[in-house]
């Protein structure tokens, strides 16, 4: 503790204002880039979204849709999911995409990242067990925010209830 001398005649020790400010600042929450991302985005393209309610991709996308996000299904094998038209690839989508949420095996991620880079999509989210370090680094080098091996539903629920 630094010491400030009191102007009173009995000269007592007082806490240093700088130390007090530092303690207050230390208790401030640190910035959370995932919270910031989830607060500012509205449109999520879900690559690998299934039209089957039994699949994790469907449940996660339905939850995000229920939280006010616009979901764009990207899956060449389906016509629609969650009441939205499905696209064969990201390159077919004509509206602005804020996040690409990937429900594909790791070996398919690099092609999806290449499309996201081409479209200048600001964020890529690879769901749990979707891990491709090479593709993630490629996305980061292009200025894309990357989340890997995490569930967007769990992260949203942990932050916003």
Protein backbone atom coordinates (compact mmCIF):
# COMPACT_ATOMS: atom_id res chain seq x y z
CA UNK A 1 0.00 0.00 0.00
CA UNK A 2 1.38 3.42 -0.85
CA UNK A 3 0.95 6.05 1.81
CA UNK A 4 -0.56 9.49 1.67
CA UNK A 5 0.11 11.82 4.56
CA UNK A 6 -2.89 13.38 6.18
CA UNK A 7 -2.79 17.15 6.57
CA UNK A 8 -4.03 16.70 10.13
CA UNK A 9 -1.48 17.40 12.88
CA UNK A 10 -1.42 13.75 14.02
CA UNK A 11 -0.04 12.47 10.64
CA UNK A 12 -1.86 9.20 10.10
CA UNK A 13 -1.56 6.72 7.24
CA UNK A 14 -4.26 6.73 4.54
CA UNK A 15 -4.80 4.43 1.58
CA UNK A 16 -3.27 5.65 -1.64
CA UNK A 17 -5.89 6.84 -4.19
CA UNK A 18 -3.99 5.05 -6.97
CA UNK A 19 -4.18 1.73 -5.09
CA UNK A 20 -7.89 2.24 -4.45
CA UNK A 21 -8.51 2.92 -8.15
CA UNK A 22 -6.50 -0.16 -9.15
CA UNK A 23 -8.59 -2.35 -6.83
CA UNK A 24 -11.83 -1.00 -8.35
CA UNK A 25 -10.51 -1.58 -11.87
CA UNK A 26 -9.43 -5.14 -11.00
CA UNK A 27 -13.01 -5.97 -10.09
CA UNK A 28 -14.37 -4.83 -13.48
CA UNK A 29 -15.32 -7.73 -15.72
CA UNK A 30 -12.87 -8.46 -18.51
CA UNK A 31 -14.13 -8.01 -22.06
CA UNK A 32 -15.62 -11.21 -23.45
CA UNK A 33 -15.35 -11.41 -27.24
CA UNK A 34 -17.98 -14.17 -27.46
CA UNK A 35 -20.52 -12.09 -25.54
CA UNK A 36 -19.73 -9.11 -27.74
CA UNK A 37 -20.15 -11.24 -30.87
CA UNK A 38 -23.46 -12.74 -29.78
CA UNK A 39 -24.82 -9.30 -28.85
CA UNK A 40 -24.00 -7.66 -32.17
CA UNK A 41 -24.88 -10.34 -34.74
CA UNK A 42 -28.30 -11.20 -36.15
CA UNK A 43 -27.80 -13.66 -39.02
CA UNK A 44 -26.25 -17.11 -38.65
CA UNK A 45 -25.64 -19.40 -41.62
CA UNK A 46 -25.62 -22.96 -40.30
CA UNK A 47 -23.54 -25.19 -42.57
CA UNK A 48 -24.64 -28.79 -42.19
CA UNK A 49 -28.02 -27.92 -40.69
CA UNK A 50 -30.29 -30.96 -40.73
CA UNK A 51 -34.05 -30.86 -41.21
CA UNK A 52 -34.38 -33.65 -38.62
CA UNK A 53 -35.33 -32.45 -35.13
CA UNK A 54 -33.32 -35.39 -33.76
CA UNK A 55 -29.99 -33.96 -34.99
CA UNK A 56 -27.89 -31.61 -32.82
CA UNK A 57 -27.59 -29.06 -35.64
CA UNK A 58 -31.38 -28.73 -35.76
CA UNK A 59 -31.74 -28.29 -32.00
CA UNK A 60 -28.95 -25.72 -31.79
CA UNK A 61 -30.28 -23.72 -34.75
CA UNK A 62 -33.86 -23.87 -33.39
CA UNK A 63 -32.65 -22.51 -30.05
CA UNK A 64 -30.73 -19.66 -31.71
CA UNK A 65 -33.77 -18.89 -33.86
CA UNK A 66 -35.94 -18.79 -30.71
CA UNK A 67 -33.49 -16.22 -29.29
CA UNK A 68 -34.12 -13.86 -32.20
CA UNK A 69 -31.35 -14.82 -34.62
CA UNK A 70 -32.12 -15.25 -38.31
CA UNK A 71 -31.01 -18.74 -39.37
CA UNK A 72 -29.89 -19.56 -42.91
CA UNK A 73 -29.65 -23.31 -43.54
CA UNK A 74 -26.73 -24.37 -45.76
CA UNK A 75 -27.04 -28.01 -46.79
CA UNK A 76 -27.28 -29.28 -50.38
CA UNK A 77 -29.29 -32.32 -49.26
CA UNK A 78 -32.35 -30.46 -47.94
CA UNK A 79 -34.84 -27.94 -49.35
CA UNK A 80 -35.56 -26.17 -46.06
CA UNK A 81 -35.15 -26.28 -42.31
CA UNK A 82 -36.84 -24.33 -39.52
CA UNK A 83 -39.10 -22.64 -42.08
CA UNK A 84 -36.14 -21.23 -44.03
CA UNK A 85 -34.96 -22.06 -47.56
CA UNK A 86 -31.76 -24.10 -47.59
CA UNK A 87 -28.80 -23.18 -49.80
CA UNK A 88 -26.31 -25.57 -51.41
CA UNK A 89 -23.30 -23.46 -50.30
CA UNK A 90 -22.47 -20.17 -48.64
CA UNK A 91 -21.74 -18.73 -52.07
CA UNK A 92 -25.44 -19.01 -53.02
CA UNK A 93 -26.65 -16.93 -50.06
CA UNK A 94 -27.48 -13.36 -51.14
CA UNK A 95 -28.04 -11.78 -47.74
CA UNK A 96 -25.47 -10.57 -45.24
CA UNK A 97 -24.15 -13.34 -42.96
CA UNK A 98 -22.72 -12.43 -39.54
CA UNK A 99 -21.58 -15.89 -38.38
CA UNK A 100 -20.99 -19.18 -40.16
CA UNK A 101 -21.82 -21.96 -37.68
CA UNK A 102 -20.23 -25.20 -38.87
CA UNK A 103 -21.73 -28.64 -38.23
CA UNK A 104 -19.45 -30.58 -40.59
CA UNK A 105 -16.55 -32.94 -40.04
CA UNK A 106 -13.16 -31.25 -39.74
CA UNK A 107 -11.97 -32.32 -43.19
CA UNK A 108 -14.71 -30.16 -44.79
CA UNK A 109 -14.00 -27.02 -42.78
CA UNK A 110 -11.26 -25.54 -44.96
CA UNK A 111 -13.55 -25.29 -48.01
CA UNK A 112 -16.18 -23.56 -45.85
CA UNK A 113 -13.56 -21.15 -44.50
CA UNK A 114 -12.46 -20.36 -48.08
CA UNK A 115 -16.06 -19.44 -48.93
CA UNK A 116 -16.37 -17.33 -45.77
CA UNK A 117 -13.17 -15.48 -46.64
CA UNK A 118 -14.43 -14.85 -50.17
CA UNK A 119 -17.70 -13.47 -48.78
CA UNK A 120 -15.93 -11.44 -46.05
CA UNK A 121 -17.99 -13.03 -43.28
CA UNK A 122 -16.75 -11.63 -39.94
CA UNK A 123 -17.04 -14.75 -37.74
CA UNK A 124 -16.75 -18.53 -37.99
CA UNK A 125 -18.00 -20.83 -35.26
CA UNK A 126 -16.95 -24.49 -35.29
CA UNK A 127 -19.20 -26.59 -33.08
CA UNK A 128 -17.97 -29.07 -30.47
CA UNK A 129 -15.54 -31.63 -31.89
CA UNK A 130 -15.15 -29.64 -35.10
CA UNK A 131 -11.45 -28.88 -34.92
CA UNK A 132 -9.31 -27.78 -37.85
CA UNK A 133 -6.35 -25.65 -36.74
CA UNK A 134 -5.14 -25.00 -40.29
CA UNK A 135 -8.53 -23.66 -41.38
CA UNK A 136 -8.88 -21.63 -38.18
CA UNK A 137 -5.49 -20.00 -38.71
CA UNK A 138 -6.34 -19.28 -42.35
CA UNK A 139 -9.56 -17.56 -41.20
CA UNK A 140 -7.73 -15.54 -38.53
CA UNK A 141 -5.14 -14.42 -41.09
CA UNK A 142 -8.04 -13.12 -43.18
CA UNK A 143 -9.32 -11.10 -40.19
CA UNK A 144 -12.16 -13.46 -39.26
CA UNK A 145 -13.05 -14.04 -35.60
CA UNK A 146 -12.89 -17.79 -34.92
CA UNK A 147 -14.49 -19.94 -32.22
CA UNK A 148 -13.57 -23.62 -32.36
CA UNK A 149 -14.77 -26.73 -30.54
CA UNK A 150 -17.53 -24.91 -28.65
CA UNK A 151 -21.32 -25.07 -28.83
CA UNK A 152 -22.96 -21.77 -29.73
CA UNK A 153 -26.14 -22.78 -27.84
CA UNK A 154 -24.21 -23.54 -24.64
CA UNK A 155 -22.19 -20.35 -24.91
CA UNK A 156 -25.30 -18.25 -25.56
CA UNK A 157 -27.22 -19.87 -22.71
CA UNK A 158 -24.29 -19.42 -20.29
CA UNK A 159 -24.18 -15.69 -21.03
CA UNK A 160 -27.83 -14.77 -21.57
CA UNK A 161 -29.80 -17.50 -19.79
